[in-house]
Amino acid sequence: MGYMGNQLRKIGPGLLVCMIIGTGSLFAGEWFPNLGAGSIAILSGIILGNLGVSKYSRLDAGTKFSESTLLYTAIILLGATVSFQAIAAIGWNGALFILLIMMSTVTAALWMGKRMGLPEDFRMLMAGGNAVCGSSAIAAVAPAIGADEKQKGLAITMVNLTGTILMLVLPWLVGLLYSDRILPSSALIGGVLQSVGQVVASGSMVSEEVKDQASIFKIVRILLLAGVISLLVSLRGKKQPSVQRTKWYTIPWYIKGFFILCTINTCLALPELLELSMKKTGNFLEITALAGIGLRVKFADLIAQGAKAGLYTVLLASCQLAAAVILILLLF
C-alpha cells in the first residue's frame, strides 16, 4: 500500500493535469468535430506546456505515465473494436491496396528522411505513424526500436497536424476525383489518414456509406501494425546488433494484448455494451495520453528541426496521397 501510495503521489499531479486537458478536449471535440478531440488535446498540451505549465517538475512523472502507459493501454482496448473478418469486407483488391500503400509509405518515409539527414528514430516513427495509425503506431514503434523521447514527441506532433489538415482536404478531393463514389472514396480516406477518429470524421463529411467502408480500410491497416513493427525493428537491428529481431515473445506487451482482444472479439463477438465501454475508455485514455505528449513537447525542440521536419512531413504526405490515387486507379 505504501508503494502504491508513493507511486500515486508521484504521478498524480501530472496525470490530473492531463486528464483535465483530455476531458476538456473531448467536450471541445463535440463543438469542433472537424478538428477532433485528439488534435485539440495535443495542441492544448503544447500551448500550455510552452506557456510554463511543464516547467513544474512535479508534473513530469504524471505526463510521462500518460504518454506511455495510458497510450499503451488504449492500444490494447482498440483490439476489442477490431475483428479479423474486416479483411473479407474489402476484398482481395482492397487488402492488396492497403498492403501496397503501407509499403510505399514506409519506403518513402525512410528514404526521404535519410536523404534529408533526419534522425533515424524520427524517420522510423514517421514511417510507422503514417503507414498505420498515427499516435498509437508511434507509441508502439518507439519502445520496440528504442526511440528517443524527443523524436517520439516530434513525430506524434507532426503526424497529428498533418492528419488534421488531410482530414479536411480529403472530402473535397474525393468529390473532385471520384464524385464521392463509395469504394474509391473510402479507400483514399481509409488508406491515407492516420487515426481512426480522423477517418470517421473525414468519411462523415462525404457520406455514411463512405464513413463505414473507410473505417474498414483503416481497421485492416491497424491489423498490420505488428508486421510494420517487425520490419522497422529488423531494419534497425541490421545497423545496431543490440536491437533484437522481433519475434512473438519480443513484441511489446500492449501489442500482444491488442491481438488477444482482437482474437476474442473475432471468435466470440463481444457484447455490444462491453465493446462500447472499451471503445469509450480507450478513447479517453488516448486523448489523455495525447495531452501528456503535448505537455512534453518543447517549441525549442520543434524549432531545432522545424523547417526540415515540416518539409519532410509535407513531402511524405504528398507521396502517400499520390501513391494512393495511382493504386486506386489500378486496382478499383
C-alpha atoms as a PDB file:
ATOM      1  CA  MET A   1       0.000   0.000   0.000  1.00  0.00           C
ATOM      2  CA  GLY A   2       2.888   2.299   0.825  1.00  0.00           C
ATOM      3  CA  TYR A   3       4.473   1.701  -2.584  1.00  0.00           C
ATOM      4  CA  MET A   4       1.199   2.257  -4.411  1.00  0.00           C
ATOM      5  CA  GLY A   5       0.560   5.398  -2.416  1.00  0.00           C
ATOM      6  CA  ASN A   6       4.017   6.756  -3.240  1.00  0.00           C
ATOM      7  CA  GLN A   7       3.545   5.988  -6.919  1.00  0.00           C
ATOM      8  CA  LEU A   8       0.155   7.677  -6.949  1.00  0.00           C
ATOM      9  CA  ARG A   9       1.553  10.772  -5.244  1.00  0.00           C
ATOM     10  CA  LYS A  10       4.373  10.789  -7.781  1.00  0.00           C
ATOM     11  CA  ILE A  11       2.261  10.555 -10.929  1.00  0.00           C
ATOM     12  CA  GLY A  12      -0.917  12.136  -9.529  1.00  0.00           C
ATOM     13  CA  PRO A  13      -0.319  15.854 -10.253  1.00  0.00           C
ATOM     14  CA  GLY A  14       0.788  15.390 -13.857  1.00  0.00           C
ATOM     15  CA  LEU A  15      -1.855  12.743 -14.539  1.00  0.00           C
ATOM     16  CA  LEU A  16      -4.578  15.049 -13.175  1.00  0.00           C
ATOM     17  CA  VAL A  17      -3.474  17.881 -15.453  1.00  0.00           C
ATOM     18  CA  CYS A  18      -3.522  15.515 -18.452  1.00  0.00           C
ATOM     19  CA  MET A  19      -6.987  14.243 -17.525  1.00  0.00           C
ATOM     20  CA  ILE A  20      -8.337  17.784 -17.211  1.00  0.00           C
ATOM     21  CA  ILE A  21      -6.947  18.719 -20.628  1.00  0.00           C
ATOM     22  CA  GLY A  22      -8.233  15.430 -22.067  1.00  0.00           C
ATOM     23  CA  THR A  23     -11.737  15.919 -20.662  1.00  0.00           C
ATOM     24  CA  GLY A  24     -11.862  19.486 -21.928  1.00  0.00           C
ATOM     25  CA  SER A  25     -10.673  18.311 -25.342  1.00  0.00           C
ATOM     26  CA  LEU A  26     -13.435  15.700 -25.555  1.00  0.00           C
ATOM     27  CA  PHE A  27     -16.052  18.376 -24.896  1.00  0.00           C
ATOM     28  CA  ALA A  28     -14.363  20.760 -27.349  1.00  0.00           C
ATOM     29  CA  GLY A  29     -14.292  17.963 -29.924  1.00  0.00           C
ATOM     30  CA  GLU A  30     -18.095  17.837 -29.800  1.00  0.00           C
ATOM     31  CA  TRP A  31     -18.205  21.509 -30.753  1.00  0.00           C
ATOM     32  CA  PHE A  32     -15.428  21.259 -33.336  1.00  0.00           C
ATOM     33  CA  PRO A  33     -15.765  17.758 -34.850  1.00  0.00           C
ATOM     34  CA  ASN A  34     -13.732  18.735 -37.904  1.00  0.00           C
ATOM     35  CA  LEU A  35     -10.732  19.322 -35.662  1.00  0.00           C
ATOM     36  CA  GLY A  36     -11.243  16.356 -33.354  1.00  0.00           C
ATOM     37  CA  ALA A  37     -10.537  15.788 -29.665  1.00  0.00           C
ATOM     38  CA  GLY A  38      -7.116  14.222 -30.284  1.00  0.00           C
ATOM     39  CA  SER A  39      -5.766  17.199 -32.196  1.00  0.00           C
ATOM     40  CA  ILE A  40      -7.266  19.597 -29.646  1.00  0.00           C
ATOM     41  CA  ALA A  41      -5.653  17.660 -26.780  1.00  0.00           C
ATOM     42  CA  ILE A  42      -2.144  17.626 -28.206  1.00  0.00           C
ATOM     43  CA  LEU A  43      -2.316  21.257 -29.359  1.00  0.00           C
ATOM     44  CA  SER A  44      -3.660  22.343 -25.955  1.00  0.00           C
ATOM     45  CA  GLY A  45      -0.880  20.412 -24.245  1.00  0.00           C
ATOM     46  CA  ILE A  46       1.768  22.018 -26.454  1.00  0.00           C
ATOM     47  CA  ILE A  47       0.413  25.516 -25.849  1.00  0.00           C
ATOM     48  CA  LEU A  48       0.016  25.104 -22.088  1.00  0.00           C
ATOM     49  CA  GLY A  49       3.364  23.350 -21.750  1.00  0.00           C
ATOM     50  CA  ASN A  50       5.205  26.092 -23.545  1.00  0.00           C
ATOM     51  CA  LEU A  51       3.369  28.781 -21.614  1.00  0.00           C
ATOM     52  CA  GLY A  52       5.014  27.449 -18.463  1.00  0.00           C
ATOM     53  CA  VAL A  53       2.923  24.538 -17.133  1.00  0.00           C
ATOM     54  CA  SER A  54       5.595  21.956 -17.973  1.00  0.00           C
ATOM     55  CA  LYS A  55       8.274  23.841 -16.028  1.00  0.00           C
ATOM     56  CA  TYR A  56       6.877  22.340 -12.806  1.00  0.00           C
ATOM     57  CA  SER A  57       8.969  19.224 -12.259  1.00  0.00           C
ATOM     58  CA  ARG A  58       6.232  17.644 -10.100  1.00  0.00           C
ATOM     59  CA  LEU A  59       4.233  17.091 -13.287  1.00  0.00           C
ATOM     60  CA  ASP A  60       6.947  15.161 -15.136  1.00  0.00           C
ATOM     61  CA  ALA A  61       6.201  11.680 -13.782  1.00  0.00           C
ATOM     62  CA  GLY A  62       2.475  12.026 -14.483  1.00  0.00           C
ATOM     63  CA  THR A  63       2.866  13.365 -18.009  1.00  0.00           C
ATOM     64  CA  LYS A  64       5.338  10.582 -18.803  1.00  0.00           C
ATOM     65  CA  PHE A  65       2.936   7.992 -17.363  1.00  0.00           C
ATOM     66  CA  SER A  66       0.162   9.428 -19.528  1.00  0.00           C
ATOM     67  CA  GLU A  67       2.141   9.411 -22.780  1.00  0.00           C
ATOM     68  CA  SER A  68       3.351   5.854 -22.243  1.00  0.00           C
ATOM     69  CA  THR A  69       1.252   3.559 -20.023  1.00  0.00           C
ATOM     70  CA  LEU A  70      -2.106   5.191 -20.805  1.00  0.00           C
ATOM     71  CA  LEU A  71      -1.475   5.182 -24.532  1.00  0.00           C
ATOM     72  CA  TYR A  72      -0.308   1.559 -24.474  1.00  0.00           C
ATOM     73  CA  THR A  73      -3.469   0.582 -22.591  1.00  0.00           C
ATOM     74  CA  ALA A  74      -5.548   2.419 -25.216  1.00  0.00           C
ATOM     75  CA  ILE A  75      -3.852   0.314 -27.907  1.00  0.00           C
ATOM     76  CA  ILE A  76      -4.902  -2.885 -26.127  1.00  0.00           C
ATOM     77  CA  LEU A  77      -8.513  -1.723 -25.842  1.00  0.00           C
ATOM     78  CA  LEU A  78      -8.533  -0.868 -29.540  1.00  0.00           C
ATOM     79  CA  GLY A  79      -8.340  -4.614 -30.192  1.00  0.00           C
ATOM     80  CA  ALA A  80     -11.842  -5.025 -28.753  1.00  0.00           C
ATOM     81  CA  THR A  81     -13.271  -2.972 -31.643  1.00  0.00           C
ATOM     82  CA  VAL A  82     -11.497  -4.922 -34.400  1.00  0.00           C
ATOM     83  CA  SER A  83     -12.241  -8.334 -35.905  1.00  0.00           C
ATOM     84  CA  PHE A  84     -10.307 -10.329 -38.477  1.00  0.00           C
ATOM     85  CA  GLN A  85     -13.444 -10.599 -40.628  1.00  0.00           C
ATOM     86  CA  ALA A  86     -12.841  -6.942 -41.555  1.00  0.00           C
ATOM     87  CA  ILE A  87     -10.355  -8.121 -44.203  1.00  0.00           C
ATOM     88  CA  ALA A  88     -13.079 -10.007 -46.079  1.00  0.00           C
ATOM     89  CA  ALA A  89     -15.283  -6.920 -46.254  1.00  0.00           C
ATOM     90  CA  ILE A  90     -12.956  -5.039 -48.629  1.00  0.00           C
ATOM     91  CA  GLY A  91     -11.987  -7.982 -50.825  1.00  0.00           C
ATOM     92  CA  TRP A  92      -8.602  -9.047 -52.159  1.00  0.00           C
ATOM     93  CA  ASN A  93      -8.086  -5.842 -54.137  1.00  0.00           C
ATOM     94  CA  GLY A  94      -8.784  -3.793 -51.050  1.00  0.00           C
ATOM     95  CA  ALA A  95      -6.346  -5.820 -48.968  1.00  0.00           C
ATOM     96  CA  LEU A  96      -3.704  -5.514 -51.717  1.00  0.00           C
ATOM     97  CA  PHE A  97      -4.286  -1.755 -51.854  1.00  0.00           C
ATOM     98  CA  ILE A  98      -3.698  -1.435 -48.107  1.00  0.00           C
ATOM     99  CA  LEU A  99      -0.562  -3.582 -48.245  1.00  0.00           C
ATOM    100  CA  LEU A 100       0.930  -1.599 -51.147  1.00  0.00           C
ATOM    101  CA  ILE A 101       0.067   1.842 -49.751  1.00  0.00           C
ATOM    102  CA  MET A 102       1.620   0.905 -46.419  1.00  0.00           C
ATOM    103  CA  MET A 103       4.772  -0.435 -48.082  1.00  0.00           C
ATOM    104  CA  SER A 104       5.134   2.683 -50.235  1.00  0.00           C
ATOM    105  CA  THR A 105       4.612   4.941 -47.205  1.00  0.00           C
ATOM    106  CA  VAL A 106       7.271   3.160 -45.138  1.00  0.00           C
ATOM    107  CA  THR A 107       9.701   3.202 -48.077  1.00  0.00           C
ATOM    108  CA  ALA A 108       9.128   6.908 -48.793  1.00  0.00           C
ATOM    109  CA  ALA A 109       9.422   7.854 -45.118  1.00  0.00           C
ATOM    110  CA  LEU A 110      12.719   6.034 -44.623  1.00  0.00           C
ATOM    111  CA  TRP A 111      14.278   7.028 -47.969  1.00  0.00           C
ATOM    112  CA  MET A 112      13.330  10.717 -47.920  1.00  0.00           C
ATOM    113  CA  GLY A 113      14.193  11.074 -44.250  1.00  0.00           C
ATOM    114  CA  LYS A 114      17.645   9.638 -44.843  1.00  0.00           C
ATOM    115  CA  ARG A 115      18.238  11.866 -47.871  1.00  0.00           C
ATOM    116  CA  MET A 116      17.243  14.918 -45.807  1.00  0.00           C
ATOM    117  CA  GLY A 117      19.574  13.957 -42.963  1.00  0.00           C
ATOM    118  CA  LEU A 118      16.839  13.498 -40.356  1.00  0.00           C
ATOM    119  CA  PRO A 119      17.436  11.308 -37.265  1.00  0.00           C
ATOM    120  CA  GLU A 120      16.780   7.608 -37.760  1.00  0.00           C
ATOM    121  CA  ASP A 121      14.388   7.480 -34.799  1.00  0.00           C
ATOM    122  CA  PHE A 122      12.262  10.252 -36.283  1.00  0.00           C
ATOM    123  CA  ARG A 123      12.014   8.793 -39.762  1.00  0.00           C
ATOM    124  CA  MET A 124      11.191   5.307 -38.439  1.00  0.00           C
ATOM    125  CA  LEU A 125       8.483   6.714 -36.168  1.00  0.00           C
ATOM    126  CA  MET A 126       7.061   8.735 -39.061  1.00  0.00           C
ATOM    127  CA  ALA A 127       7.086   5.603 -41.210  1.00  0.00           C
ATOM    128  CA  GLY A 128       5.062   3.688 -38.623  1.00  0.00           C
ATOM    129  CA  GLY A 129       2.748   6.570 -37.765  1.00  0.00           C
ATOM    130  CA  ASN A 130       1.850   7.426 -41.355  1.00  0.00           C
ATOM    131  CA  ALA A 131       1.634   3.844 -42.570  1.00  0.00           C
ATOM    132  CA  VAL A 132      -0.576   2.513 -39.771  1.00  0.00           C
ATOM    133  CA  CYS A 133      -2.469   4.527 -37.168  1.00  0.00           C
ATOM    134  CA  GLY A 134      -0.775   7.754 -36.161  1.00  0.00           C
ATOM    135  CA  SER A 135      -0.078   8.294 -32.464  1.00  0.00           C
ATOM    136  CA  SER A 136      -0.901   4.726 -31.469  1.00  0.00           C
ATOM    137  CA  ALA A 137       1.523   3.282 -34.014  1.00  0.00           C
ATOM    138  CA  ILE A 138       4.260   5.707 -32.998  1.00  0.00           C
ATOM    139  CA  ALA A 139       3.720   4.734 -29.357  1.00  0.00           C
ATOM    140  CA  ALA A 140       4.010   1.074 -30.334  1.00  0.00           C
ATOM    141  CA  VAL A 141       7.078   1.508 -32.546  1.00  0.00           C
ATOM    142  CA  ALA A 142       9.017   3.792 -30.168  1.00  0.00           C
ATOM    143  CA  PRO A 143       9.957   1.275 -27.428  1.00  0.00           C
ATOM    144  CA  ALA A 144      10.426  -1.529 -29.946  1.00  0.00           C
ATOM    145  CA  ILE A 145      13.248   0.388 -31.671  1.00  0.00           C
ATOM    146  CA  GLY A 146      14.430   2.199 -28.527  1.00  0.00           C
ATOM    147  CA  ALA A 147      13.466   5.609 -29.917  1.00  0.00           C
ATOM    148  CA  ASP A 148      14.420   8.877 -28.271  1.00  0.00           C
ATOM    149  CA  GLU A 149      11.539  10.540 -26.352  1.00  0.00           C
ATOM    150  CA  LYS A 150      12.043  13.907 -28.079  1.00  0.00           C
ATOM    151  CA  GLN A 151      11.831  12.299 -31.506  1.00  0.00           C
ATOM    152  CA  LYS A 152       8.702  10.446 -30.405  1.00  0.00           C
ATOM    153  CA  GLY A 153       7.024  13.690 -29.336  1.00  0.00           C
ATOM    154  CA  LEU A 154       8.058  15.447 -32.534  1.00  0.00           C
ATOM    155  CA  ALA A 155       6.780  12.584 -34.714  1.00  0.00           C
ATOM    156  CA  ILE A 156       3.415  12.439 -32.930  1.00  0.00           C
ATOM    157  CA  THR A 157       3.005  16.203 -33.244  1.00  0.00           C
ATOM    158  CA  MET A 158       3.824  16.195 -36.970  1.00  0.00           C
ATOM    159  CA  VAL A 159       1.564  13.214 -37.687  1.00  0.00           C
ATOM    160  CA  ASN A 160      -1.381  14.750 -35.826  1.00  0.00           C
ATOM    161  CA  LEU A 161      -1.018  18.135 -37.502  1.00  0.00           C
ATOM    162  CA  THR A 162      -0.750  16.532 -40.945  1.00  0.00           C
ATOM    163  CA  GLY A 163      -3.710  14.262 -40.248  1.00  0.00           C
ATOM    164  CA  THR A 164      -5.862  17.202 -39.179  1.00  0.00           C
ATOM    165  CA  ILE A 165      -5.139  19.059 -42.423  1.00  0.00           C
ATOM    166  CA  LEU A 166      -5.714  15.967 -44.593  1.00  0.00           C
ATOM    167  CA  MET A 167      -8.919  15.190 -42.714  1.00  0.00           C
ATOM    168  CA  LEU A 168     -10.364  18.457 -44.012  1.00  0.00           C
ATOM    169  CA  VAL A 169      -8.840  18.242 -47.503  1.00  0.00           C
ATOM    170  CA  LEU A 170      -9.744  14.647 -48.447  1.00  0.00           C
ATOM    171  CA  PRO A 171     -13.565  15.062 -48.548  1.00  0.00           C
ATOM    172  CA  TRP A 172     -13.064  17.825 -51.128  1.00  0.00           C
ATOM    173  CA  LEU A 173     -10.505  15.712 -53.014  1.00  0.00           C
ATOM    174  CA  VAL A 174     -12.672  12.575 -53.258  1.00  0.00           C
ATOM    175  CA  GLY A 175     -15.527  14.715 -54.547  1.00  0.00           C
ATOM    176  CA  LEU A 176     -13.215  16.125 -57.197  1.00  0.00           C
ATOM    177  CA  LEU A 177     -11.589  12.811 -58.201  1.00  0.00           C
ATOM    178  CA  TYR A 178     -14.328  10.237 -57.670  1.00  0.00           C
ATOM    179  CA  SER A 179     -17.607  12.177 -57.422  1.00  0.00           C
ATOM    180  CA  ASP A 180     -17.915  10.678 -53.926  1.00  0.00           C
ATOM    181  CA  ARG A 181     -18.162   7.083 -55.263  1.00  0.00           C
ATOM    182  CA  ILE A 182     -18.079   4.811 -52.239  1.00  0.00           C
ATOM    183  CA  LEU A 183     -15.226   2.364 -52.905  1.00  0.00           C
ATOM    184  CA  PRO A 184     -12.500   4.725 -54.214  1.00  0.00           C
ATOM    185  CA  SER A 185     -13.507   7.474 -51.780  1.00  0.00           C
ATOM    186  CA  SER A 186     -13.355   5.036 -48.868  1.00  0.00           C
ATOM    187  CA  ALA A 187     -10.013   3.638 -50.000  1.00  0.00           C
ATOM    188  CA  LEU A 188      -8.418   7.093 -50.195  1.00  0.00           C
ATOM    189  CA  ILE A 189      -9.726   8.269 -46.821  1.00  0.00           C
ATOM    190  CA  GLY A 190      -9.184   4.963 -45.006  1.00  0.00           C
ATOM    191  CA  GLY A 191      -5.840   4.293 -46.669  1.00  0.00           C
ATOM    192  CA  VAL A 192      -4.224   7.673 -46.047  1.00  0.00           C
ATOM    193  CA  LEU A 193      -5.492   9.239 -42.814  1.00  0.00           C
ATOM    194  CA  GLN A 194      -3.608   8.353 -39.645  1.00  0.00           C
ATOM    195  CA  SER A 195      -6.127   7.986 -36.804  1.00  0.00           C
ATOM    196  CA  VAL A 196      -9.480   6.221 -36.626  1.00  0.00           C
ATOM    197  CA  GLY A 197     -11.101   9.458 -35.437  1.00  0.00           C
ATOM    198  CA  GLN A 198      -9.794  11.331 -38.466  1.00  0.00           C
ATOM    199  CA  VAL A 199     -11.108   8.614 -40.794  1.00  0.00           C
ATOM    200  CA  VAL A 200     -14.566   8.700 -39.195  1.00  0.00           C
ATOM    201  CA  ALA A 201     -14.715  12.495 -39.248  1.00  0.00           C
ATOM    202  CA  SER A 202     -13.477  12.806 -42.837  1.00  0.00           C
ATOM    203  CA  GLY A 203     -15.705   9.995 -44.124  1.00  0.00           C
ATOM    204  CA  SER A 204     -18.718  11.523 -42.395  1.00  0.00           C
ATOM    205  CA  MET A 205     -18.210  14.697 -44.405  1.00  0.00           C
ATOM    206  CA  VAL A 206     -18.787  12.627 -47.562  1.00  0.00           C
ATOM    207  CA  SER A 207     -21.497  10.113 -46.584  1.00  0.00           C
ATOM    208  CA  GLU A 208     -22.388   7.453 -44.023  1.00  0.00           C
ATOM    209  CA  GLU A 209     -21.507   4.712 -46.529  1.00  0.00           C
ATOM    210  CA  VAL A 210     -18.054   6.171 -47.156  1.00  0.00           C
ATOM    211  CA  LYS A 211     -17.505   6.603 -43.415  1.00  0.00           C
ATOM    212  CA  ASP A 212     -18.331   2.958 -42.697  1.00  0.00           C
ATOM    213  CA  GLN A 213     -16.225   1.479 -45.501  1.00  0.00           C
ATOM    214  CA  ALA A 214     -13.308   3.875 -44.908  1.00  0.00           C
ATOM    215  CA  SER A 215     -13.277   2.643 -41.310  1.00  0.00           C
ATOM    216  CA  ILE A 216     -12.858  -0.927 -42.566  1.00  0.00           C
ATOM    217  CA  PHE A 217      -9.863   0.072 -44.689  1.00  0.00           C
ATOM    218  CA  LYS A 218      -8.439   1.740 -41.603  1.00  0.00           C
ATOM    219  CA  ILE A 219      -9.012  -1.325 -39.421  1.00  0.00           C
ATOM    220  CA  VAL A 220      -7.103  -3.516 -41.882  1.00  0.00           C
ATOM    221  CA  ARG A 221      -4.136  -1.140 -41.580  1.00  0.00           C
ATOM    222  CA  ILE A 222      -4.290  -1.471 -37.792  1.00  0.00           C
ATOM    223  CA  LEU A 223      -4.257  -5.259 -38.085  1.00  0.00           C
ATOM    224  CA  LEU A 224      -0.886  -4.989 -39.855  1.00  0.00           C
ATOM    225  CA  LEU A 225       0.708  -2.942 -37.049  1.00  0.00           C
ATOM    226  CA  ALA A 226       2.797  -5.830 -35.706  1.00  0.00           C
ATOM    227  CA  GLY A 227       4.159  -6.507 -39.181  1.00  0.00           C
ATOM    228  CA  VAL A 228       5.315  -2.899 -39.544  1.00  0.00           C
ATOM    229  CA  ILE A 229       6.939  -3.020 -36.100  1.00  0.00           C
ATOM    230  CA  SER A 230       8.745  -6.240 -37.055  1.00  0.00           C
ATOM    231  CA  LEU A 231      10.014  -4.650 -40.268  1.00  0.00           C
ATOM    232  CA  LEU A 232      11.287  -1.494 -38.553  1.00  0.00           C
ATOM    233  CA  VAL A 233      12.948  -3.440 -35.739  1.00  0.00           C
ATOM    234  CA  SER A 234      14.587  -5.696 -38.322  1.00  0.00           C
ATOM    235  CA  LEU A 235      15.915  -2.701 -40.267  1.00  0.00           C
ATOM    236  CA  ARG A 236      17.171  -1.095 -37.081  1.00  0.00           C
ATOM    237  CA  GLY A 237      18.780  -4.341 -35.984  1.00  0.00           C
ATOM    238  CA  LYS A 238      20.856  -4.577 -39.160  1.00  0.00           C
ATOM    239  CA  LYS A 239      22.667  -1.388 -38.146  1.00  0.00           C
ATOM    240  CA  GLN A 240      22.591  -1.905 -34.392  1.00  0.00           C
ATOM    241  CA  PRO A 241      23.198  -5.526 -33.363  1.00  0.00           C
ATOM    242  CA  SER A 242      21.953  -4.757 -29.847  1.00  0.00           C
ATOM    243  CA  VAL A 243      18.415  -4.388 -31.203  1.00  0.00           C
ATOM    244  CA  GLN A 244      16.730  -7.790 -31.234  1.00  0.00           C
ATOM    245  CA  ARG A 245      14.831  -9.033 -34.240  1.00  0.00           C
ATOM    246  CA  THR A 246      11.130  -9.061 -33.410  1.00  0.00           C
ATOM    247  CA  LYS A 247       9.575 -12.427 -32.603  1.00  0.00           C
ATOM    248  CA  TRP A 248       6.265 -13.088 -30.920  1.00  0.00           C
ATOM    249  CA  TYR A 249       7.805 -13.171 -27.461  1.00  0.00           C
ATOM    250  CA  THR A 250       9.695  -9.891 -28.047  1.00  0.00           C
ATOM    251  CA  ILE A 251       6.658  -7.982 -29.345  1.00  0.00           C
ATOM    252  CA  PRO A 252       5.671  -5.360 -26.717  1.00  0.00           C
ATOM    253  CA  TRP A 253       3.055  -6.436 -24.175  1.00  0.00           C
ATOM    254  CA  TYR A 254       0.444  -3.979 -25.428  1.00  0.00           C
ATOM    255  CA  ILE A 255       0.634  -5.348 -28.981  1.00  0.00           C
ATOM    256  CA  LYS A 256       0.114  -8.860 -27.620  1.00  0.00           C
ATOM    257  CA  GLY A 257      -2.836  -7.527 -25.633  1.00  0.00           C
ATOM    258  CA  PHE A 258      -4.248  -5.906 -28.779  1.00  0.00           C
ATOM    259  CA  PHE A 259      -4.144  -9.189 -30.705  1.00  0.00           C
ATOM    260  CA  ILE A 260      -5.595 -11.179 -27.815  1.00  0.00           C
ATOM    261  CA  LEU A 261      -8.625  -8.866 -27.595  1.00  0.00           C
ATOM    262  CA  CYS A 262      -8.916  -8.790 -31.390  1.00  0.00           C
ATOM    263  CA  THR A 263      -8.951 -12.605 -31.478  1.00  0.00           C
ATOM    264  CA  ILE A 264     -11.538 -12.800 -28.683  1.00  0.00           C
ATOM    265  CA  ASN A 265     -13.737 -10.258 -30.461  1.00  0.00           C
ATOM    266  CA  THR A 266     -13.396 -12.199 -33.718  1.00  0.00           C
ATOM    267  CA  CYS A 267     -14.205 -15.604 -32.230  1.00  0.00           C
ATOM    268  CA  LEU A 268     -16.784 -14.688 -29.607  1.00  0.00           C
ATOM    269  CA  ALA A 269     -18.198 -11.326 -30.757  1.00  0.00           C
ATOM    270  CA  LEU A 270     -18.011  -9.282 -27.563  1.00  0.00           C
ATOM    271  CA  PRO A 271     -21.323  -7.949 -26.197  1.00  0.00           C
ATOM    272  CA  GLU A 272     -22.141  -4.555 -27.709  1.00  0.00           C
ATOM    273  CA  LEU A 273     -22.234  -2.825 -24.324  1.00  0.00           C
ATOM    274  CA  LEU A 274     -18.818  -4.207 -23.348  1.00  0.00           C
ATOM    275  CA  GLU A 275     -17.317  -3.288 -26.729  1.00  0.00           C
ATOM    276  CA  LEU A 276     -18.749   0.235 -26.479  1.00  0.00           C
ATOM    277  CA  SER A 277     -17.387   0.622 -22.934  1.00  0.00           C
ATOM    278  CA  MET A 278     -13.911  -0.476 -24.029  1.00  0.00           C
ATOM    279  CA  LYS A 279     -14.047   1.854 -27.024  1.00  0.00           C
ATOM    280  CA  LYS A 280     -15.010   4.862 -24.912  1.00  0.00           C
ATOM    281  CA  THR A 281     -12.446   4.022 -22.237  1.00  0.00           C
ATOM    282  CA  GLY A 282      -9.703   3.562 -24.823  1.00  0.00           C
ATOM    283  CA  ASN A 283     -10.667   6.830 -26.500  1.00  0.00           C
ATOM    284  CA  PHE A 284     -10.451   8.737 -23.207  1.00  0.00           C
ATOM    285  CA  LEU A 285      -7.092   7.168 -22.369  1.00  0.00           C
ATOM    286  CA  GLU A 286      -5.731   8.054 -25.803  1.00  0.00           C
ATOM    287  CA  ILE A 287      -6.930  11.672 -25.558  1.00  0.00           C
ATOM    288  CA  THR A 288      -5.415  11.959 -22.071  1.00  0.00           C
ATOM    289  CA  ALA A 289      -2.160  10.473 -23.366  1.00  0.00           C
ATOM    290  CA  LEU A 290      -2.066  12.956 -26.236  1.00  0.00           C
ATOM    291  CA  ALA A 291      -2.416  15.780 -23.724  1.00  0.00           C
ATOM    292  CA  GLY A 292       0.602  14.384 -21.867  1.00  0.00           C
ATOM    293  CA  ILE A 293       2.568  14.127 -25.084  1.00  0.00           C
ATOM    294  CA  GLY A 294       1.722  17.724 -25.924  1.00  0.00           C
ATOM    295  CA  LEU A 295       2.823  18.936 -22.495  1.00  0.00           C
ATOM    296  CA  ARG A 296       6.218  17.298 -23.020  1.00  0.00           C
ATOM    297  CA  VAL A 297       6.811  18.855 -26.463  1.00  0.00           C
ATOM    298  CA  LYS A 298       9.009  21.937 -26.341  1.00  0.00           C
ATOM    299  CA  PHE A 299       8.941  24.591 -29.046  1.00  0.00           C
ATOM    300  CA  ALA A 300      12.719  24.716 -28.809  1.00  0.00           C
ATOM    301  CA  ASP A 301      12.869  21.077 -29.949  1.00  0.00           C
ATOM    302  CA  LEU A 302      10.444  21.770 -32.797  1.00  0.00           C
ATOM    303  CA  ILE A 303      12.354  24.852 -33.916  1.00  0.00           C
ATOM    304  CA  ALA A 304      15.641  22.931 -33.848  1.00  0.00           C
ATOM    305  CA  GLN A 305      14.354  20.677 -36.642  1.00  0.00           C
ATOM    306  CA  GLY A 306      11.160  22.507 -37.523  1.00  0.00           C
ATOM    307  CA  ALA A 307      11.750  23.680 -41.089  1.00  0.00           C
ATOM    308  CA  LYS A 308      13.345  20.445 -42.256  1.00  0.00           C
ATOM    309  CA  ALA A 309      10.863  18.247 -40.353  1.00  0.00           C
ATOM    310  CA  GLY A 310       7.959  20.313 -41.691  1.00  0.00           C
ATOM    311  CA  LEU A 311       9.137  19.992 -45.299  1.00  0.00           C
ATOM    312  CA  TYR A 312       9.699  16.267 -44.798  1.00  0.00           C
ATOM    313  CA  THR A 313       6.171  15.855 -43.425  1.00  0.00           C
ATOM    314  CA  VAL A 314       4.610  17.705 -46.365  1.00  0.00           C
ATOM    315  CA  LEU A 315       6.625  15.695 -48.913  1.00  0.00           C
ATOM    316  CA  LEU A 316       5.744  12.414 -47.187  1.00  0.00           C
ATOM    317  CA  ALA A 317       2.020  13.249 -47.147  1.00  0.00           C
ATOM    318  CA  SER A 318       2.206  14.209 -50.831  1.00  0.00           C
ATOM    319  CA  CYS A 319       3.900  10.892 -51.719  1.00  0.00           C
ATOM    320  CA  GLN A 320       1.304   8.971 -49.732  1.00  0.00           C
ATOM    321  CA  LEU A 321      -1.573  10.739 -51.493  1.00  0.00           C
ATOM    322  CA  ALA A 322      -0.030  10.258 -54.936  1.00  0.00           C
ATOM    323  CA  ALA A 323       0.590   6.554 -54.299  1.00  0.00           C
ATOM    324  CA  ALA A 324      -2.987   6.081 -53.072  1.00  0.00           C
ATOM    325  CA  VAL A 325      -4.510   7.800 -56.123  1.00  0.00           C
ATOM    326  CA  ILE A 326      -2.382   5.697 -58.510  1.00  0.00           C
ATOM    327  CA  LEU A 327      -3.188   2.426 -56.711  1.00  0.00           C
ATOM    328  CA  ILE A 328      -6.920   3.218 -56.665  1.00  0.00           C
ATOM    329  CA  LEU A 329      -6.761   3.847 -60.411  1.00  0.00           C
ATOM    330  CA  LEU A 330      -5.056   0.484 -60.972  1.00  0.00           C
ATOM    331  CA  LEU A 331      -6.994  -1.683 -58.505  1.00  0.00           C
ATOM    332  CA  PHE A 332     -10.526  -0.270 -58.462  1.00  0.00           C
END
